[in-house]
C-alpha atoms as a PDB file:
ATOM      1  CA  UNK A   1     104.966  88.290  86.914  1.00  0.00           C
ATOM      2  CA  UNK A   2     107.359  90.498  85.106  1.00  0.00           C
ATOM      3  CA  UNK A   3     109.905  92.732  86.760  1.00  0.00           C
ATOM      4  CA  UNK A   4     107.768  95.755  85.888  1.00  0.00           C
ATOM      5  CA  UNK A   5     104.783  94.486  87.867  1.00  0.00           C
ATOM      6  CA  UNK A   6     107.049  93.699  90.811  1.00  0.00           C
ATOM      7  CA  UNK A   7     108.155  97.325  91.075  1.00  0.00           C
ATOM      8  CA  UNK A   8     104.636  98.716  91.500  1.00  0.00           C
ATOM      9  CA  UNK A   9     102.776  99.361  94.722  1.00  0.00           C
ATOM     10  CA  UNK A  10      98.971  99.610  94.384  1.00  0.00           C
ATOM     11  CA  UNK A  11      99.435  99.824  90.624  1.00  0.00           C
ATOM     12  CA  UNK A  12     101.662 102.898  90.907  1.00  0.00           C
ATOM     13  CA  UNK A  13     105.290 102.927  89.844  1.00  0.00           C
ATOM     14  CA  UNK A  14     108.318 104.306  91.618  1.00  0.00           C
ATOM     15  CA  UNK A  15     108.176 107.594  89.691  1.00  0.00           C
ATOM     16  CA  UNK A  16     105.023 108.676  91.505  1.00  0.00           C
ATOM     17  CA  UNK A  17     106.707 108.019  94.840  1.00  0.00           C
ATOM     18  CA  UNK A  18     109.780 109.975  93.742  1.00  0.00           C
ATOM     19  CA  UNK A  19     107.591 112.936  92.791  1.00  0.00           C
ATOM     20  CA  UNK A  20     105.686 112.678  96.074  1.00  0.00           C
ATOM     21  CA  UNK A  21     108.926 112.652  98.087  1.00  0.00           C
ATOM     22  CA  UNK A  22     110.252 115.641  96.124  1.00  0.00           C
ATOM     23  CA  UNK A  23     107.119 117.655  96.874  1.00  0.00           C
ATOM     24  CA  UNK A  24     106.943 116.650 100.537  1.00  0.00           C
ATOM     25  CA  UNK A  25     110.577 117.669 101.045  1.00  0.00           C
ATOM     26  CA  UNK A  26     110.012 120.882  99.078  1.00  0.00           C
ATOM     27  CA  UNK A  27     106.928 121.881 101.048  1.00  0.00           C
ATOM     28  CA  UNK A  28     108.591 121.119 104.387  1.00  0.00           C
ATOM     29  CA  UNK A  29     111.661 123.100 103.345  1.00  0.00           C
ATOM     30  CA  UNK A  30     109.502 126.036 102.211  1.00  0.00           C
ATOM     31  CA  UNK A  31     107.675 126.016 105.562  1.00  0.00           C
ATOM     32  CA  UNK A  32     110.969 125.976 107.454  1.00  0.00           C
ATOM     33  CA  UNK A  33     112.523 128.669 105.259  1.00  0.00           C
ATOM     34  CA  UNK A  34     109.463 130.916 105.587  1.00  0.00           C
ATOM     35  CA  UNK A  35     110.521 131.545 109.205  1.00  0.00           C
ATOM     36  CA  UNK A  36     113.979 132.678 108.123  1.00  0.00           C
ATOM     37  CA  UNK A  37     114.923 136.226 107.246  1.00  0.00           C
ATOM     38  CA  UNK A  38     116.775 137.791 104.355  1.00  0.00           C
ATOM     39  CA  UNK A  39     118.160 135.722 101.463  1.00  0.00           C
ATOM     40  CA  UNK A  40     117.259 132.419 103.109  1.00  0.00           C
ATOM     41  CA  UNK A  41     113.602 133.372 102.938  1.00  0.00           C
ATOM     42  CA  UNK A  42     113.834 134.008  99.186  1.00  0.00           C
ATOM     43  CA  UNK A  43     115.591 130.669  98.622  1.00  0.00           C
ATOM     44  CA  UNK A  44     112.251 128.916  99.250  1.00  0.00           C
ATOM     45  CA  UNK A  45     111.012 130.388  95.947  1.00  0.00           C
ATOM     46  CA  UNK A  46     114.041 128.952  94.124  1.00  0.00           C
ATOM     47  CA  UNK A  47     113.475 125.604  95.840  1.00  0.00           C
ATOM     48  CA  UNK A  48     109.836 125.604  94.702  1.00  0.00           C
ATOM     49  CA  UNK A  49     110.778 126.293  91.085  1.00  0.00           C
ATOM     50  CA  UNK A  50     113.462 123.596  91.230  1.00  0.00           C
ATOM     51  CA  UNK A  51     110.806 121.091  92.356  1.00  0.00           C
ATOM     52  CA  UNK A  52     108.534 122.208  89.486  1.00  0.00           C
ATOM     53  CA  UNK A  53     111.345 121.709  86.960  1.00  0.00           C
ATOM     54  CA  UNK A  54     112.225 118.250  88.312  1.00  0.00           C
ATOM     55  CA  UNK A  55     108.555 117.249  88.279  1.00  0.00           C
ATOM     56  CA  UNK A  56     108.110 118.406  84.680  1.00  0.00           C
ATOM     57  CA  UNK A  57     111.212 116.488  83.604  1.00  0.00           C
ATOM     58  CA  UNK A  58     109.994 113.308  85.296  1.00  0.00           C
ATOM     59  CA  UNK A  59     106.495 113.633  83.831  1.00  0.00           C
ATOM     60  CA  UNK A  60     107.400 114.520  80.234  1.00  0.00           C
ATOM     61  CA  UNK A  61     110.449 112.261  79.849  1.00  0.00           C
ATOM     62  CA  UNK A  62     109.551 108.905  81.420  1.00  0.00           C
ATOM     63  CA  UNK A  63     112.030 106.033  81.227  1.00  0.00           C
ATOM     64  CA  UNK A  64     109.462 103.302  80.464  1.00  0.00           C
ATOM     65  CA  UNK A  65     106.679 103.073  77.918  1.00  0.00           C
ATOM     66  CA  UNK A  66     103.097 103.727  78.988  1.00  0.00           C
ATOM     67  CA  UNK A  67     101.775 100.387  77.775  1.00  0.00           C
ATOM     68  CA  UNK A  68     103.282  97.247  79.300  1.00  0.00           C
ATOM     69  CA  UNK A  69     104.644  94.554  77.025  1.00  0.00           C
ATOM     70  CA  UNK A  70     102.390  91.508  76.566  1.00  0.00           C
ATOM     71  CA  UNK A  71     103.221  88.706  78.951  1.00  0.00           C
ATOM     72  CA  UNK A  72     103.157  84.980  78.364  1.00  0.00           C
ATOM     73  CA  UNK A  73     100.270  83.324  80.206  1.00  0.00           C
ATOM     74  CA  UNK A  74     101.430  81.020  82.979  1.00  0.00           C
ATOM     75  CA  UNK A  75      99.623  77.700  83.307  1.00  0.00           C
ATOM     76  CA  UNK A  76      99.228  76.559  86.901  1.00  0.00           C
ATOM     77  CA  UNK A  77      99.304  72.802  87.454  1.00  0.00           C
ATOM     78  CA  UNK A  78      98.211  71.290  90.761  1.00  0.00           C
ATOM     79  CA  UNK A  79     100.509  68.302  91.214  1.00  0.00           C
ATOM     80  CA  UNK A  80      99.186  67.471  94.698  1.00  0.00           C
ATOM     81  CA  UNK A  81      95.549  67.194  93.515  1.00  0.00           C
ATOM     82  CA  UNK A  82      94.880  63.613  94.688  1.00  0.00           C
ATOM     83  CA  UNK A  83      96.690  64.031  97.994  1.00  0.00           C
ATOM     84  CA  UNK A  84      94.731  67.192  98.722  1.00  0.00           C
ATOM     85  CA  UNK A  85      91.400  65.405  98.250  1.00  0.00           C
ATOM     86  CA  UNK A  86      92.524  62.420 100.332  1.00  0.00           C
ATOM     87  CA  UNK A  87      93.479  64.827 103.097  1.00  0.00           C
ATOM     88  CA  UNK A  88      90.154  66.669 102.751  1.00  0.00           C
ATOM     89  CA  UNK A  89      88.165  63.428 102.971  1.00  0.00           C
ATOM     90  CA  UNK A  90      90.173  62.288 106.008  1.00  0.00           C
ATOM     91  CA  UNK A  91      89.582  65.593 107.792  1.00  0.00           C
ATOM     92  CA  UNK A  92      85.868  65.436 106.882  1.00  0.00           C
ATOM     93  CA  UNK A  93      85.522  61.911 108.338  1.00  0.00           C
ATOM     94  CA  UNK A  94      87.292  62.988 111.536  1.00  0.00           C
ATOM     95  CA  UNK A  95      85.052  66.069 111.803  1.00  0.00           C
ATOM     96  CA  UNK A  96      81.846  64.083 111.292  1.00  0.00           C
ATOM     97  CA  UNK A  97      82.984  61.424 113.773  1.00  0.00           C
ATOM     98  CA  UNK A  98      83.807  63.990 116.443  1.00  0.00           C
ATOM     99  CA  UNK A  99      80.509  65.788 115.786  1.00  0.00           C
ATOM    100  CA  UNK A 100      78.633  62.483 116.200  1.00  0.00           C
ATOM    101  CA  UNK A 101      80.466  61.716 119.461  1.00  0.00           C
ATOM    102  CA  UNK A 102      79.882  65.212 120.840  1.00  0.00           C
ATOM    103  CA  UNK A 103      76.179  65.092 120.009  1.00  0.00           C
ATOM    104  CA  UNK A 104      75.808  61.573 121.402  1.00  0.00           C
ATOM    105  CA  UNK A 105      77.326  62.663 124.706  1.00  0.00           C
ATOM    106  CA  UNK A 106      75.001  65.671 124.715  1.00  0.00           C
ATOM    107  CA  UNK A 107      71.888  63.627 123.929  1.00  0.00           C
ATOM    108  CA  UNK A 108      72.763  60.649 126.136  1.00  0.00           C
ATOM    109  CA  UNK A 109      73.667  62.718 129.169  1.00  0.00           C
ATOM    110  CA  UNK A 110      71.845  61.230 132.156  1.00  0.00           C
ATOM    111  CA  UNK A 111      69.147  63.327 133.740  1.00  0.00           C
ATOM    112  CA  UNK A 112      68.759  62.562 137.409  1.00  0.00           C
ATOM    113  CA  UNK A 113      65.412  62.968 139.172  1.00  0.00           C
ATOM    114  CA  UNK A 114      65.231  65.541 141.889  1.00  0.00           C
ATOM    115  CA  UNK A 115      64.550  64.036 145.309  1.00  0.00           C
ATOM    116  CA  UNK A 116      61.087  64.675 146.720  1.00  0.00           C
ATOM    117  CA  UNK A 117      60.876  66.424 150.042  1.00  0.00           C
ATOM    118  CA  UNK A 118      58.828  64.563 152.532  1.00  0.00           C
ATOM    119  CA  UNK A 119      56.928  66.442 155.275  1.00  0.00           C
END
């Protein structure tokens, strides 16, 4: 994996999160400033336009290119291939043996006759 792929969450880069945080903070600030009176109430309009300007700058002047650079394909080699199959066969033999023993105890369980009541 390249460093670019490591900085994405759900296929979305950090810029989207920065824009989301800017707008969440802006909307919360506008809601809080809408309760104020006087010049503080009008500052919410300036804050909104500041968020618009920052968003436009981040959208139209990105730092990275839109298409990722081609990556070299990584070949995965399983060096523990034989050991894995030996372990799998050992576990399978143990499972089948325990299944056979459990079924033999179930099938060979003695069934005792109920005593007859004499009058």
